[in-house]
Protein backbone atom coordinates (compact mmCIF):
# COMPACT_ATOMS: atom_id res chain seq x y z
CA MET A 1 -14.36 -14.06 -7.20
CA PRO A 2 -13.91 -17.85 -7.09
CA GLN A 3 -13.63 -19.24 -3.84
CA THR A 4 -9.96 -20.39 -5.13
CA VAL A 5 -8.61 -17.22 -6.28
CA ILE A 6 -9.58 -15.99 -3.06
CA ILE A 7 -7.52 -18.31 -1.10
CA ILE A 8 -4.40 -18.06 -3.10
CA CYS A 9 -4.73 -14.41 -2.98
CA PHE A 10 -5.25 -14.57 1.27
CA VAL A 11 -2.18 -16.78 1.58
CA LEU A 12 0.32 -14.90 -0.67
CA GLY A 13 -1.02 -11.65 1.44
CA VAL A 14 -0.03 -12.58 4.43
CA ILE A 15 3.20 -13.82 2.76
CA LEU A 16 3.46 -10.90 1.83
CA HIS A 17 2.65 -8.89 4.96
CA THR A 18 4.90 -11.40 7.06
CA TYR A 19 7.77 -10.19 5.02
CA SER A 20 7.39 -6.83 4.95
CA TYR A 21 7.17 -6.57 8.83
CA VAL A 22 10.18 -8.85 9.07
CA GLN A 23 11.97 -6.33 7.15
CA ARG A 24 10.70 -3.32 8.75
CA PHE A 25 12.12 -4.79 12.34
CA GLN A 26 15.32 -6.04 10.79
CA GLY A 27 15.88 -2.31 10.20
CA LEU A 28 14.47 -1.39 13.54
CA HIS A 29 16.88 -3.52 14.95
CA ARG A 30 19.87 -2.19 13.04
CA ARG A 31 19.14 1.16 13.62
CA THR A 32 18.70 1.26 9.99
CA TYR A 33 15.49 2.29 9.91
CA GLU A 34 13.30 4.65 11.92
CA MET A 35 9.57 4.97 12.33
CA ASN A 36 7.26 8.26 13.49
CA PRO A 37 5.00 6.38 16.29
CA VAL A 38 2.32 8.71 15.40
CA THR A 39 1.66 6.75 11.98
CA PRO A 40 1.94 3.23 13.15
CA LEU A 41 -0.48 4.67 15.95
CA GLY A 42 -2.67 5.67 13.57
CA TRP A 43 -2.27 2.57 11.68
CA PHE A 44 -3.40 1.02 14.46
CA ILE A 45 -6.78 3.18 14.61
CA THR A 46 -7.75 3.24 11.15
CA SER A 47 -6.97 -0.67 10.48
CA LEU A 48 -9.50 -1.00 13.37
CA LEU A 49 -12.39 1.21 11.95
CA PHE A 50 -11.91 -0.85 8.94
CA LEU A 51 -12.30 -4.39 10.20
CA LEU A 52 -15.20 -2.82 11.82
CA PHE A 53 -16.27 -1.41 8.07
CA LEU A 54 -15.22 -4.65 6.42
CA ALA A 55 -17.52 -6.81 9.00
CA THR A 56 -20.29 -4.54 8.08
CA THR A 57 -20.07 -5.30 4.27
CA GLU A 58 -19.11 -9.13 5.20
CA ASN A 59 -15.52 -8.80 3.59
CA TRP A 60 -14.58 -11.65 5.86
CA TRP A 61 -11.10 -12.75 3.65
CA LEU A 62 -10.19 -9.25 3.69
CA PHE A 63 -11.18 -8.81 7.52
CA SER A 64 -9.11 -11.65 8.21
CA ALA A 65 -6.02 -10.35 6.75
CA GLY A 66 -6.48 -7.23 8.42
CA ALA A 67 -6.93 -8.50 12.00
CA LEU A 68 -3.30 -10.28 11.91
CA GLY A 69 -2.03 -6.90 10.27
CA MET A 70 -3.21 -5.32 13.65
CA VAL A 71 -0.99 -7.65 15.90
CA TYR A 72 2.13 -6.84 13.74
CA ILE A 73 1.32 -2.96 13.95
CA ALA A 74 0.81 -3.33 17.77
CA ILE A 75 4.87 -4.87 18.38
CA PHE A 76 5.97 -2.32 15.53
CA PHE A 77 4.40 0.56 17.44
CA VAL A 78 6.29 -0.62 21.15
CA TRP A 79 9.69 -1.30 19.24
CA SER A 80 9.28 2.00 17.17
CA ILE A 81 8.84 4.43 20.41
CA LYS A 82 11.81 2.13 22.13
CA VAL A 83 13.95 3.04 19.19
CA MET A 84 12.84 6.55 18.96
CA ARG A 85 13.56 6.90 22.71
CA GLU A 86 17.48 5.39 22.77
CA ASP A 87 18.47 7.38 19.73
CA LYS A 88 19.54 10.76 21.04
CA ARG A 89 21.36 11.92 17.07
CA ARG A 90 17.46 11.76 15.58
CA ARG A 91 17.09 14.76 13.58
CA TRP A 92 13.14 15.26 13.01
CA LYS A 93 10.78 15.36 16.34
CA ILE A 94 7.23 14.46 17.32
CA GLN A 95 4.95 17.78 15.71
CA PRO A 96 1.63 19.17 17.42
CA ILE A 97 0.50 18.87 13.64
CA ASP A 98 0.71 14.96 13.62
CA TYR A 99 -2.31 14.22 15.85
CA VAL A 100 -4.58 15.41 13.28
CA CYS A 101 -5.12 11.94 12.04
CA PHE A 102 -7.11 11.13 15.34
CA SER A 103 -9.55 13.50 15.04
CA LEU A 104 -10.72 12.22 11.27
CA SER A 105 -10.71 8.67 12.71
CA LEU A 106 -12.77 9.86 15.53
CA LEU A 107 -14.94 11.24 13.43
CA ALA A 108 -15.12 8.75 10.89
CA ALA A 109 -16.35 6.23 13.54
CA GLY A 110 -19.23 8.76 14.83
CA LEU A 111 -20.46 8.70 11.28
CA PHE A 112 -20.71 5.15 10.82
CA PHE A 113 -22.51 5.06 14.30
CA LEU A 114 -24.61 7.95 13.47
CA THR A 115 -25.53 7.03 10.17
CA GLY A 116 -24.90 2.92 9.34
CA ASN A 117 -23.10 4.09 6.16
CA ALA A 118 -20.16 1.78 6.16
CA ALA A 119 -19.10 3.51 3.01
CA LEU A 120 -18.97 7.04 4.24
CA GLY A 121 -17.55 5.88 7.48
CA ALA A 122 -14.64 4.36 5.30
CA MET A 123 -13.86 7.09 3.03
CA ILE A 124 -13.17 9.30 6.05
CA ALA A 125 -10.69 6.78 7.37
CA PHE A 126 -9.14 6.30 4.34
CA ILE A 127 -8.52 10.33 4.03
CA SER A 128 -7.16 9.89 8.28
CA SER A 129 -5.37 6.59 6.85
CA ILE A 130 -3.34 9.18 4.03
CA LEU A 131 -3.25 11.92 6.82
CA VAL A 132 -2.06 9.61 9.20
CA GLU A 133 1.12 8.74 6.90
CA VAL A 134 2.30 12.40 6.97
CA PRO A 135 4.18 12.38 9.89
CA GLN A 136 6.52 9.70 8.62
CA LEU A 137 6.24 11.45 5.25
CA ARG A 138 7.68 14.72 7.05
CA LYS A 139 10.31 12.60 9.06
CA ASP A 140 11.66 11.33 5.42
CA PHE A 141 11.94 14.65 4.30
CA VAL A 142 13.79 15.58 7.11
CA ALA A 143 15.76 12.12 7.29
CA PRO A 144 15.65 10.09 4.25
CA ARG A 145 17.99 7.53 5.09
CA THR A 146 16.23 6.45 7.80
CA ASP A 147 13.41 5.09 5.22
CA ASN A 148 13.32 2.56 2.24
CA MET A 149 11.54 2.26 -0.51
CA ARG A 150 10.99 -1.65 -0.20
CA TYR A 151 9.15 -0.68 3.05
CA TYR A 152 6.62 0.64 0.80
CA LEU A 153 6.46 -1.33 -2.22
CA VAL A 154 6.09 -4.91 -0.85
CA PRO A 155 3.16 -3.79 1.20
CA ALA A 156 1.83 -2.22 -2.19
CA LEU A 157 1.95 -5.84 -3.56
CA ARG A 158 0.57 -6.95 -0.72
CA TYR A 159 -2.44 -4.72 -1.13
CA PHE A 160 -2.81 -5.33 -4.57
CA VAL A 161 -2.99 -9.00 -4.18
CA LEU A 162 -5.73 -8.54 -1.43
CA THR A 163 -7.86 -7.37 -4.17
CA GLY A 164 -8.59 -10.72 -5.17
CA THR A 165 -9.83 -11.56 -1.72
CA LEU A 166 -13.21 -9.23 -2.07
CA ILE A 167 -16.39 -11.04 -1.99
CA HIS A 168 -17.98 -8.05 -2.43
CA ILE A 169 -16.35 -5.09 -5.06
CA ASP A 170 -17.52 -1.99 -2.84
CA PHE A 171 -15.47 1.13 -1.37
CA VAL A 172 -14.89 -0.60 1.87
CA GLY A 173 -13.18 -3.45 0.45
CA LEU A 174 -11.24 -1.47 -2.73
CA ALA A 175 -10.09 1.34 0.38
CA GLY A 176 -8.55 -1.36 2.53
CA SER A 177 -6.74 -3.23 -0.89
CA LEU A 178 -6.31 -1.76 -4.40
CA PHE A 179 -6.66 2.36 -3.50
CA TRP A 180 -4.15 1.55 -0.69
CA GLY A 181 -1.59 -0.33 -2.72
CA VAL A 182 -1.96 2.62 -5.01
CA PHE A 183 -0.79 5.39 -2.42
CA LEU A 184 1.85 2.98 -1.23
CA VAL A 185 3.84 3.20 -4.76
CA ALA A 186 3.12 7.28 -4.35
CA GLU A 187 4.62 6.63 -0.92
CA ALA A 188 7.72 5.54 -2.27
CA ALA A 189 8.07 7.89 -5.16
CA TRP A 190 8.01 10.63 -2.51
CA VAL A 191 10.66 8.34 -0.51
CA ALA A 192 13.19 7.75 -3.55
CA TYR A 193 12.62 11.87 -3.98
CA CYS A 194 14.03 12.28 -0.39
CA GLN A 195 16.64 10.25 -0.95
CA SER A 196 17.85 11.48 -4.47
CA ARG A 197 17.92 15.34 -2.78
CA VAL A 198 20.09 13.69 -0.17
CA ARG A 199 22.42 12.76 -3.07
CA VAL A 200 22.22 15.84 -4.99
CA ARG A 201 23.21 17.94 -2.47
CA ALA A 202 26.35 15.32 -1.45
CA VAL A 203 27.68 15.66 -5.01
CA LYS A 204 27.14 19.37 -4.50
CA ARG A 205 29.44 19.88 -1.55
CA ALA A 206 31.77 16.87 -2.64
CA MET A 207 32.07 19.20 -5.63
CA ALA A 208 32.14 22.84 -4.34
CA PRO A 209 36.31 22.17 -3.56
CA VAL A 210 37.03 21.51 -6.67
CA ALA A 211 35.18 24.41 -8.55
CA VAL A 212 37.06 26.96 -6.17
CA ALA A 213 40.63 25.27 -7.19
CA VAL A 214 39.46 25.86 -10.54
CA ARG A 215 38.72 29.73 -10.24
CA VAL A 216 42.00 30.17 -8.15
CA ASP A 217 44.28 28.47 -11.22
CA ASP A 218 42.55 30.40 -13.42
């Protein structure tokens, strides 16, 4: 990529990333947003792995964007635990299956150090990153109104923009940019589906007394 394009994409990526976390922080503060803490903890671990792989492949611009992101993730993780402990009315809880991703993250690190193959390690870390979203996706199915599609669409746009910062077009760089943006769009679609289920169910409950009244009149 030309240097000018890389710099512009990097700046836009940082702005979008900051904006997305400001939205999340506001949601946590207003208690309109809940996050299963296992997910941001998994983000931190897999992001640390990706920084290692990006440094190995010398994608330094994407590396810098990821390093900044880890600061946001650390703050978000601590805050999400605080909100979870204070909210006694929540309908979801952490399950043992939520910890599966950690074993894969360790496997990714082990394979990298044993083989020196950054692409292989990044592939397993990418799969681990997807699995680490499962706790939040499961929470959304139970309590969909505690999430919002924009928390996925804005970061997705950021990852699409960060594709323009890649110095080397390889799996490691694409997994940390374009591929992850596509997955976030799929997550936004899942949140939309879960929220639509709740609305349809609410409409059916509201219509039930009307249906009973019609049958009685008949």
